[in-house]
Amino acid sequence: MSRDDEFLVVLHGVTEPWEPLVERLRRRMAENPEEGPPIRFSVGSSVLAPGGSPEQAVHEADEAMYRFKAGSRRGREVPAA
């Protein structure tokens, strides 16, 4: 049985790369396992350019996440866009 939840995280004014933030989250989740199946997650990212549409940025991040998921199922990781 599979259950998927999706979460959106908006990082405003962040100047550091997002990858270390995701790695810290992954480690914290692994340190505090709850009973049940292991927690896995896929990540997609996008940057909202000045004057850009928030909806388009969310769409781009969503598409990147699904590309990552598809690549992971084939045994390889696809970098998020």
PDB file of N, CA and C in Angstrom:
ATOM      1  N   MET A   1       0.844  -1.173   0.000  1.00  0.00           N
ATOM      2  CA  MET A   1       0.000   0.000   0.000  1.00  0.00           C
ATOM      3  C   MET A   1       0.893   1.241   0.000  1.00  0.00           C
ATOM      4  N   SER A   2       0.528   2.196  -0.774  1.00  0.00           N
ATOM      5  CA  SER A   2       1.309   3.424  -0.885  1.00  0.00           C
ATOM      6  C   SER A   2       0.425   4.609  -0.546  1.00  0.00           C
ATOM      7  N   ARG A   3       0.988   5.528   0.204  1.00  0.00           N
ATOM      8  CA  ARG A   3       0.272   6.760   0.507  1.00  0.00           C
ATOM      9  C   ARG A   3       1.228   7.909   0.250  1.00  0.00           C
ATOM     10  N   ASP A   4       0.827   8.822  -0.564  1.00  0.00           N
ATOM     11  CA  ASP A   4       1.669   9.959  -0.894  1.00  0.00           C
ATOM     12  C   ASP A   4       1.018  11.237  -0.408  1.00  0.00           C
ATOM     13  N   ASP A   5       1.807  12.044   0.255  1.00  0.00           N
ATOM     14  CA  ASP A   5       1.393  13.384   0.642  1.00  0.00           C
ATOM     15  C   ASP A   5       2.339  14.351  -0.043  1.00  0.00           C
ATOM     16  N   GLU A   6       1.834  15.487  -0.418  1.00  0.00           N
ATOM     17  CA  GLU A   6       2.677  16.508  -1.036  1.00  0.00           C
ATOM     18  C   GLU A   6       2.651  17.755  -0.174  1.00  0.00           C
ATOM     19  N   PHE A   7       3.824  18.360  -0.045  1.00  0.00           N
ATOM     20  CA  PHE A   7       3.974  19.576   0.736  1.00  0.00           C
ATOM     21  C   PHE A   7       4.720  20.598  -0.102  1.00  0.00           C
ATOM     22  N   LEU A   8       4.361  21.825   0.081  1.00  0.00           N
ATOM     23  CA  LEU A   8       5.028  22.925  -0.594  1.00  0.00           C
ATOM     24  C   LEU A   8       5.777  23.726   0.461  1.00  0.00           C
ATOM     25  N   VAL A   9       7.047  23.981   0.209  1.00  0.00           N
ATOM     26  CA  VAL A   9       7.851  24.800   1.098  1.00  0.00           C
ATOM     27  C   VAL A   9       8.329  25.998   0.287  1.00  0.00           C
ATOM     28  N   VAL A  10       8.039  27.172   0.771  1.00  0.00           N
ATOM     29  CA  VAL A  10       8.461  28.405   0.103  1.00  0.00           C
ATOM     30  C   VAL A  10       9.578  29.009   0.944  1.00  0.00           C
ATOM     31  N   LEU A  11      10.713  29.201   0.330  1.00  0.00           N
ATOM     32  CA  LEU A  11      11.860  29.789   1.014  1.00  0.00           C
ATOM     33  C   LEU A  11      12.038  31.209   0.495  1.00  0.00           C
ATOM     34  N   HIS A  12      11.693  32.164   1.300  1.00  0.00           N
ATOM     35  CA  HIS A  12      11.769  33.567   0.898  1.00  0.00           C
ATOM     36  C   HIS A  12      13.075  34.181   1.387  1.00  0.00           C
ATOM     37  N   GLY A  13      13.794  34.810   0.499  1.00  0.00           N
ATOM     38  CA  GLY A  13      15.014  35.502   0.881  1.00  0.00           C
ATOM     39  C   GLY A  13      16.181  34.591   1.203  1.00  0.00           C
ATOM     40  N   VAL A  14      16.101  33.349   0.817  1.00  0.00           N
ATOM     41  CA  VAL A  14      17.177  32.396   1.086  1.00  0.00           C
ATOM     42  C   VAL A  14      18.268  32.584   0.039  1.00  0.00           C
ATOM     43  N   THR A  15      19.488  32.717   0.515  1.00  0.00           N
ATOM     44  CA  THR A  15      20.596  32.929  -0.417  1.00  0.00           C
ATOM     45  C   THR A  15      21.481  31.698  -0.551  1.00  0.00           C
ATOM     46  N   GLU A  16      21.281  30.702   0.317  1.00  0.00           N
ATOM     47  CA  GLU A  16      22.082  29.483   0.213  1.00  0.00           C
ATOM     48  C   GLU A  16      21.372  28.486  -0.706  1.00  0.00           C
ATOM     49  N   PRO A  17      22.103  27.526  -1.275  1.00  0.00           N
ATOM     50  CA  PRO A  17      21.464  26.504  -2.121  1.00  0.00           C
ATOM     51  C   PRO A  17      20.449  25.690  -1.317  1.00  0.00           C
ATOM     52  N   TRP A  18      19.411  25.225  -1.986  1.00  0.00           N
ATOM     53  CA  TRP A  18      18.358  24.469  -1.310  1.00  0.00           C
ATOM     54  C   TRP A  18      18.764  23.042  -0.989  1.00  0.00           C
ATOM     55  N   GLU A  19      19.716  22.461  -1.710  1.00  0.00           N
ATOM     56  CA  GLU A  19      20.060  21.057  -1.516  1.00  0.00           C
ATOM     57  C   GLU A  19      20.499  20.737  -0.089  1.00  0.00           C
ATOM     58  N   PRO A  20      21.362  21.561   0.554  1.00  0.00           N
ATOM     59  CA  PRO A  20      21.728  21.257   1.944  1.00  0.00           C
ATOM     60  C   PRO A  20      20.532  21.311   2.900  1.00  0.00           C
ATOM     61  N   LEU A  21      19.570  22.170   2.620  1.00  0.00           N
ATOM     62  CA  LEU A  21      18.370  22.222   3.452  1.00  0.00           C
ATOM     63  C   LEU A  21      17.592  20.915   3.368  1.00  0.00           C
ATOM     64  N   VAL A  22      17.465  20.385   2.160  1.00  0.00           N
ATOM     65  CA  VAL A  22      16.750  19.122   1.958  1.00  0.00           C
ATOM     66  C   VAL A  22      17.511  17.980   2.627  1.00  0.00           C
ATOM     67  N   GLU A  23      18.828  17.981   2.526  1.00  0.00           N
ATOM     68  CA  GLU A  23      19.628  16.928   3.156  1.00  0.00           C
ATOM     69  C   GLU A  23      19.474  16.964   4.679  1.00  0.00           C
ATOM     70  N   ARG A  24      19.440  18.154   5.262  1.00  0.00           N
ATOM     71  CA  ARG A  24      19.232  18.251   6.710  1.00  0.00           C
ATOM     72  C   ARG A  24      17.861  17.704   7.088  1.00  0.00           C
ATOM     73  N   LEU A  25      16.845  17.980   6.304  1.00  0.00           N
ATOM     74  CA  LEU A  25      15.511  17.458   6.557  1.00  0.00           C
ATOM     75  C   LEU A  25      15.512  15.932   6.468  1.00  0.00           C
ATOM     76  N   ARG A  26      16.161  15.393   5.444  1.00  0.00           N
ATOM     77  CA  ARG A  26      16.219  13.942   5.281  1.00  0.00           C
ATOM     78  C   ARG A  26      16.888  13.275   6.483  1.00  0.00           C
ATOM     79  N   ARG A  27      17.996  13.857   6.939  1.00  0.00           N
ATOM     80  CA  ARG A  27      18.706  13.298   8.108  1.00  0.00           C
ATOM     81  C   ARG A  27      17.848  13.350   9.363  1.00  0.00           C
ATOM     82  N   ARG A  28      17.164  14.470   9.565  1.00  0.00           N
ATOM     83  CA  ARG A  28      16.308  14.589  10.756  1.00  0.00           C
ATOM     84  C   ARG A  28      15.184  13.567  10.734  1.00  0.00           C
ATOM     85  N   MET A  29      14.622  13.334   9.561  1.00  0.00           N
ATOM     86  CA  MET A  29      13.553  12.348   9.453  1.00  0.00           C
ATOM     87  C   MET A  29      14.088  10.954   9.749  1.00  0.00           C
ATOM     88  N   ALA A  30      15.296  10.652   9.338  1.00  0.00           N
ATOM     89  CA  ALA A  30      15.898   9.338   9.572  1.00  0.00           C
ATOM     90  C   ALA A  30      16.264   9.151  11.045  1.00  0.00           C
ATOM     91  N   GLU A  31      16.602  10.234  11.739  1.00  0.00           N
ATOM     92  CA  GLU A  31      16.977  10.160  13.151  1.00  0.00           C
ATOM     93  C   GLU A  31      15.785   9.869  14.053  1.00  0.00           C
ATOM     94  N   ASN A  32      14.607  10.238  13.637  1.00  0.00           N
ATOM     95  CA  ASN A  32      13.415  10.094  14.467  1.00  0.00           C
ATOM     96  C   ASN A  32      12.362   9.245  13.771  1.00  0.00           C
ATOM     97  N   PRO A  33      12.715   7.986  13.481  1.00  0.00           N
ATOM     98  CA  PRO A  33      11.728   7.164  12.765  1.00  0.00           C
ATOM     99  C   PRO A  33      10.539   6.813  13.660  1.00  0.00           C
ATOM    100  N   GLU A  34       9.385   6.833  13.076  1.00  0.00           N
ATOM    101  CA  GLU A  34       8.185   6.377  13.756  1.00  0.00           C
ATOM    102  C   GLU A  34       7.918   4.963  13.284  1.00  0.00           C
ATOM    103  N   GLU A  35       7.048   4.262  13.999  1.00  0.00           N
ATOM    104  CA  GLU A  35       6.707   2.918  13.555  1.00  0.00           C
ATOM    105  C   GLU A  35       6.020   3.005  12.209  1.00  0.00           C
ATOM    106  N   GLY A  36       6.279   2.018  11.389  1.00  0.00           N
ATOM    107  CA  GLY A  36       5.671   1.998  10.070  1.00  0.00           C
ATOM    108  C   GLY A  36       6.729   1.959   8.995  1.00  0.00           C
ATOM    109  N   PRO A  37       6.310   2.087   7.764  1.00  0.00           N
ATOM    110  CA  PRO A  37       7.268   2.015   6.647  1.00  0.00           C
ATOM    111  C   PRO A  37       8.215   3.204   6.671  1.00  0.00           C
ATOM    112  N   PRO A  38       9.386   3.051   6.060  1.00  0.00           N
ATOM    113  CA  PRO A  38      10.325   4.179   6.011  1.00  0.00           C
ATOM    114  C   PRO A  38       9.731   5.345   5.230  1.00  0.00           C
ATOM    115  N   ILE A  39      10.167   6.523   5.590  1.00  0.00           N
ATOM    116  CA  ILE A  39       9.707   7.731   4.914  1.00  0.00           C
ATOM    117  C   ILE A  39      10.674   8.045   3.784  1.00  0.00           C
ATOM    118  N   ARG A  40      10.133   8.211   2.601  1.00  0.00           N
ATOM    119  CA  ARG A  40      10.934   8.610   1.446  1.00  0.00           C
ATOM    120  C   ARG A  40      10.302   9.860   0.862  1.00  0.00           C
ATOM    121  N   PHE A  41      11.120  10.677   0.240  1.00  0.00           N
ATOM    122  CA  PHE A  41      10.525  11.842  -0.395  1.00  0.00           C
ATOM    123  C   PHE A  41      11.302  12.229  -1.638  1.00  0.00           C
ATOM    124  N   SER A  42      10.595  12.863  -2.532  1.00  0.00           N
ATOM    125  CA  SER A  42      11.156  13.373  -3.769  1.00  0.00           C
ATOM    126  C   SER A  42      11.035  14.890  -3.729  1.00  0.00           C
ATOM    127  N   VAL A  43      11.958  15.553  -4.386  1.00  0.00           N
ATOM    128  CA  VAL A  43      12.006  17.003  -4.333  1.00  0.00           C
ATOM    129  C   VAL A  43      12.015  17.579  -5.737  1.00  0.00           C
ATOM    130  N   GLY A  44      11.291  18.642  -5.917  1.00  0.00           N
ATOM    131  CA  GLY A  44      11.365  19.437  -7.134  1.00  0.00           C
ATOM    132  C   GLY A  44      11.552  20.879  -6.707  1.00  0.00           C
ATOM    133  N   SER A  45      12.309  21.622  -7.451  1.00  0.00           N
ATOM    134  CA  SER A  45      12.537  23.020  -7.067  1.00  0.00           C
ATOM    135  C   SER A  45      12.290  23.948  -8.239  1.00  0.00           C
ATOM    136  N   SER A  46      12.070  25.194  -7.890  1.00  0.00           N
ATOM    137  CA  SER A  46      11.866  26.230  -8.884  1.00  0.00           C
ATOM    138  C   SER A  46      12.222  27.554  -8.230  1.00  0.00           C
ATOM    139  N   VAL A  47      12.608  28.503  -9.030  1.00  0.00           N
ATOM    140  CA  VAL A  47      12.910  29.840  -8.536  1.00  0.00           C
ATOM    141  C   VAL A  47      11.923  30.809  -9.171  1.00  0.00           C
ATOM    142  N   LEU A  48      11.319  31.624  -8.335  1.00  0.00           N
ATOM    143  CA  LEU A  48      10.392  32.639  -8.829  1.00  0.00           C
ATOM    144  C   LEU A  48      11.199  33.869  -9.214  1.00  0.00           C
ATOM    145  N   ALA A  49      11.257  34.120 -10.491  1.00  0.00           N
ATOM    146  CA  ALA A  49      11.990  35.286 -10.993  1.00  0.00           C
ATOM    147  C   ALA A  49      11.195  36.554 -10.692  1.00  0.00           C
ATOM    148  N   PRO A  50      11.888  37.692 -10.549  1.00  0.00           N
ATOM    149  CA  PRO A  50      11.162  38.946 -10.347  1.00  0.00           C
ATOM    150  C   PRO A  50      10.123  39.142 -11.451  1.00  0.00           C
ATOM    151  N   GLY A  51       8.914  39.420 -11.042  1.00  0.00           N
ATOM    152  CA  GLY A  51       7.827  39.616 -11.997  1.00  0.00           C
ATOM    153  C   GLY A  51       7.212  38.317 -12.495  1.00  0.00           C
ATOM    154  N   GLY A  52       7.740  37.174 -12.036  1.00  0.00           N
ATOM    155  CA  GLY A  52       7.231  35.877 -12.471  1.00  0.00           C
ATOM    156  C   GLY A  52       5.932  35.509 -11.765  1.00  0.00           C
ATOM    157  N   SER A  53       5.306  34.478 -12.255  1.00  0.00           N
ATOM    158  CA  SER A  53       4.041  34.006 -11.712  1.00  0.00           C
ATOM    159  C   SER A  53       4.297  32.935 -10.643  1.00  0.00           C
ATOM    160  N   PRO A  54       3.766  33.114  -9.426  1.00  0.00           N
ATOM    161  CA  PRO A  54       3.897  32.072  -8.413  1.00  0.00           C
ATOM    162  C   PRO A  54       3.305  30.741  -8.879  1.00  0.00           C
ATOM    163  N   GLU A  55       2.208  30.806  -9.609  1.00  0.00           N
ATOM    164  CA  GLU A  55       1.582  29.578 -10.105  1.00  0.00           C
ATOM    165  C   GLU A  55       2.528  28.827 -11.042  1.00  0.00           C
ATOM    166  N   GLN A  56       3.225  29.556 -11.903  1.00  0.00           N
ATOM    167  CA  GLN A  56       4.165  28.927 -12.831  1.00  0.00           C
ATOM    168  C   GLN A  56       5.340  28.316 -12.070  1.00  0.00           C
ATOM    169  N   ALA A  57       5.822  29.002 -11.042  1.00  0.00           N
ATOM    170  CA  ALA A  57       6.931  28.469 -10.246  1.00  0.00           C
ATOM    171  C   ALA A  57       6.520  27.168  -9.551  1.00  0.00           C
ATOM    172  N   VAL A  58       5.307  27.119  -9.002  1.00  0.00           N
ATOM    173  CA  VAL A  58       4.823  25.895  -8.356  1.00  0.00           C
ATOM    174  C   VAL A  58       4.682  24.784  -9.395  1.00  0.00           C
ATOM    175  N   HIS A  59       4.163  25.113 -10.568  1.00  0.00           N
ATOM    176  CA  HIS A  59       4.019  24.126 -11.639  1.00  0.00           C
ATOM    177  C   HIS A  59       5.390  23.552 -12.030  1.00  0.00           C
ATOM    178  N   GLU A  60       6.387  24.412 -12.174  1.00  0.00           N
ATOM    179  CA  GLU A  60       7.730  23.956 -12.550  1.00  0.00           C
ATOM    180  C   GLU A  60       8.327  23.049 -11.469  1.00  0.00           C
ATOM    181  N   ALA A  61       8.128  23.403 -10.203  1.00  0.00           N
ATOM    182  CA  ALA A  61       8.634  22.568  -9.110  1.00  0.00           C
ATOM    183  C   ALA A  61       7.928  21.213  -9.102  1.00  0.00           C
ATOM    184  N   ASP A  62       6.629  21.214  -9.346  1.00  0.00           N
ATOM    185  CA  ASP A  62       5.852  19.975  -9.384  1.00  0.00           C
ATOM    186  C   ASP A  62       6.335  19.067 -10.511  1.00  0.00           C
ATOM    187  N   GLU A  63       6.544  19.640 -11.683  1.00  0.00           N
ATOM    188  CA  GLU A  63       7.049  18.859 -12.822  1.00  0.00           C
ATOM    189  C   GLU A  63       8.434  18.278 -12.517  1.00  0.00           C
ATOM    190  N   ALA A  64       9.297  19.083 -11.887  1.00  0.00           N
ATOM    191  CA  ALA A  64      10.634  18.603 -11.537  1.00  0.00           C
ATOM    192  C   ALA A  64      10.553  17.443 -10.547  1.00  0.00           C
ATOM    193  N   MET A  65       9.625  17.518  -9.598  1.00  0.00           N
ATOM    194  CA  MET A  65       9.462  16.435  -8.635  1.00  0.00           C
ATOM    195  C   MET A  65       9.033  15.147  -9.329  1.00  0.00           C
ATOM    196  N   TYR A  66       8.100  15.245 -10.255  1.00  0.00           N
ATOM    197  CA  TYR A  66       7.653  14.035 -10.952  1.00  0.00           C
ATOM    198  C   TYR A  66       8.746  13.463 -11.837  1.00  0.00           C
ATOM    199  N   ARG A  67       9.587  14.304 -12.426  1.00  0.00           N
ATOM    200  CA  ARG A  67      10.733  13.789 -13.189  1.00  0.00           C
ATOM    201  C   ARG A  67      11.691  13.051 -12.258  1.00  0.00           C
ATOM    202  N   PHE A  68      11.917  13.599 -11.076  1.00  0.00           N
ATOM    203  CA  PHE A  68      12.780  12.959 -10.092  1.00  0.00           C
ATOM    204  C   PHE A  68      12.212  11.606  -9.687  1.00  0.00           C
ATOM    205  N   LYS A  69      10.904  11.565  -9.391  1.00  0.00           N
ATOM    206  CA  LYS A  69      10.254  10.308  -9.001  1.00  0.00           C
ATOM    207  C   LYS A  69      10.390   9.262 -10.100  1.00  0.00           C
ATOM    208  N   ALA A  70      10.131   9.647 -11.334  1.00  0.00           N
ATOM    209  CA  ALA A  70      10.215   8.708 -12.454  1.00  0.00           C
ATOM    210  C   ALA A  70      11.641   8.181 -12.603  1.00  0.00           C
ATOM    211  N   GLY A  71      12.628   9.039 -12.482  1.00  0.00           N
ATOM    212  CA  GLY A  71      14.023   8.614 -12.583  1.00  0.00           C
ATOM    213  C   GLY A  71      14.426   7.715 -11.448  1.00  0.00           C
ATOM    214  N   SER A  72      13.940   7.981 -10.233  1.00  0.00           N
ATOM    215  CA  SER A  72      14.280   7.163  -9.069  1.00  0.00           C
ATOM    216  C   SER A  72      13.709   5.762  -9.205  1.00  0.00           C
ATOM    217  N   ARG A  73      12.536   5.625  -9.771  1.00  0.00           N
ATOM    218  CA  ARG A  73      11.930   4.298  -9.954  1.00  0.00           C
ATOM    219  C   ARG A  73      12.724   3.472 -10.950  1.00  0.00           C
ATOM    220  N   ARG A  74      13.437   4.132 -11.840  1.00  0.00           N
ATOM    221  CA  ARG A  74      14.252   3.400 -12.813  1.00  0.00           C
ATOM    222  C   ARG A  74      15.661   3.153 -12.277  1.00  0.00           C
ATOM    223  N   GLY A  75      15.874   3.463 -11.001  1.00  0.00           N
ATOM    224  CA  GLY A  75      17.150   3.177 -10.391  1.00  0.00           C
ATOM    225  C   GLY A  75      18.182   4.290 -10.549  1.00  0.00           C
ATOM    226  N   ARG A  76      17.758   5.452 -10.940  1.00  0.00           N
ATOM    227  CA  ARG A  76      18.691   6.574 -11.036  1.00  0.00           C
ATOM    228  C   ARG A  76      17.987   7.818 -10.541  1.00  0.00           C
ATOM    229  N   GLU A  77      18.753   8.778 -10.171  1.00  0.00           N
ATOM    230  CA  GLU A  77      18.166  10.026  -9.695  1.00  0.00           C
ATOM    231  C   GLU A  77      18.286  11.082 -10.779  1.00  0.00           C
ATOM    232  N   VAL A  78      17.222  11.824 -10.955  1.00  0.00           N
ATOM    233  CA  VAL A  78      17.197  12.908 -11.922  1.00  0.00           C
ATOM    234  C   VAL A  78      17.254  14.211 -11.136  1.00  0.00           C
ATOM    235  N   PRO A  79      18.242  15.054 -11.371  1.00  0.00           N
ATOM    236  CA  PRO A  79      18.306  16.306 -10.612  1.00  0.00           C
ATOM    237  C   PRO A  79      17.067  17.136 -10.822  1.00  0.00           C
ATOM    238  N   ALA A  80      16.631  17.789  -9.765  1.00  0.00           N
ATOM    239  CA  ALA A  80      15.482  18.688  -9.870  1.00  0.00           C
ATOM    240  C   ALA A  80      15.872  19.889 -10.692  1.00  0.00           C
ATOM    241  N   ALA A  81      14.885  20.404 -11.433  1.00  0.00           N
ATOM    242  CA  ALA A  81      15.152  21.569 -12.289  1.00  0.00           C
ATOM    243  C   ALA A  81      15.269  22.832 -11.490  1.00  0.00           C
TER     244      ALA A  81
END
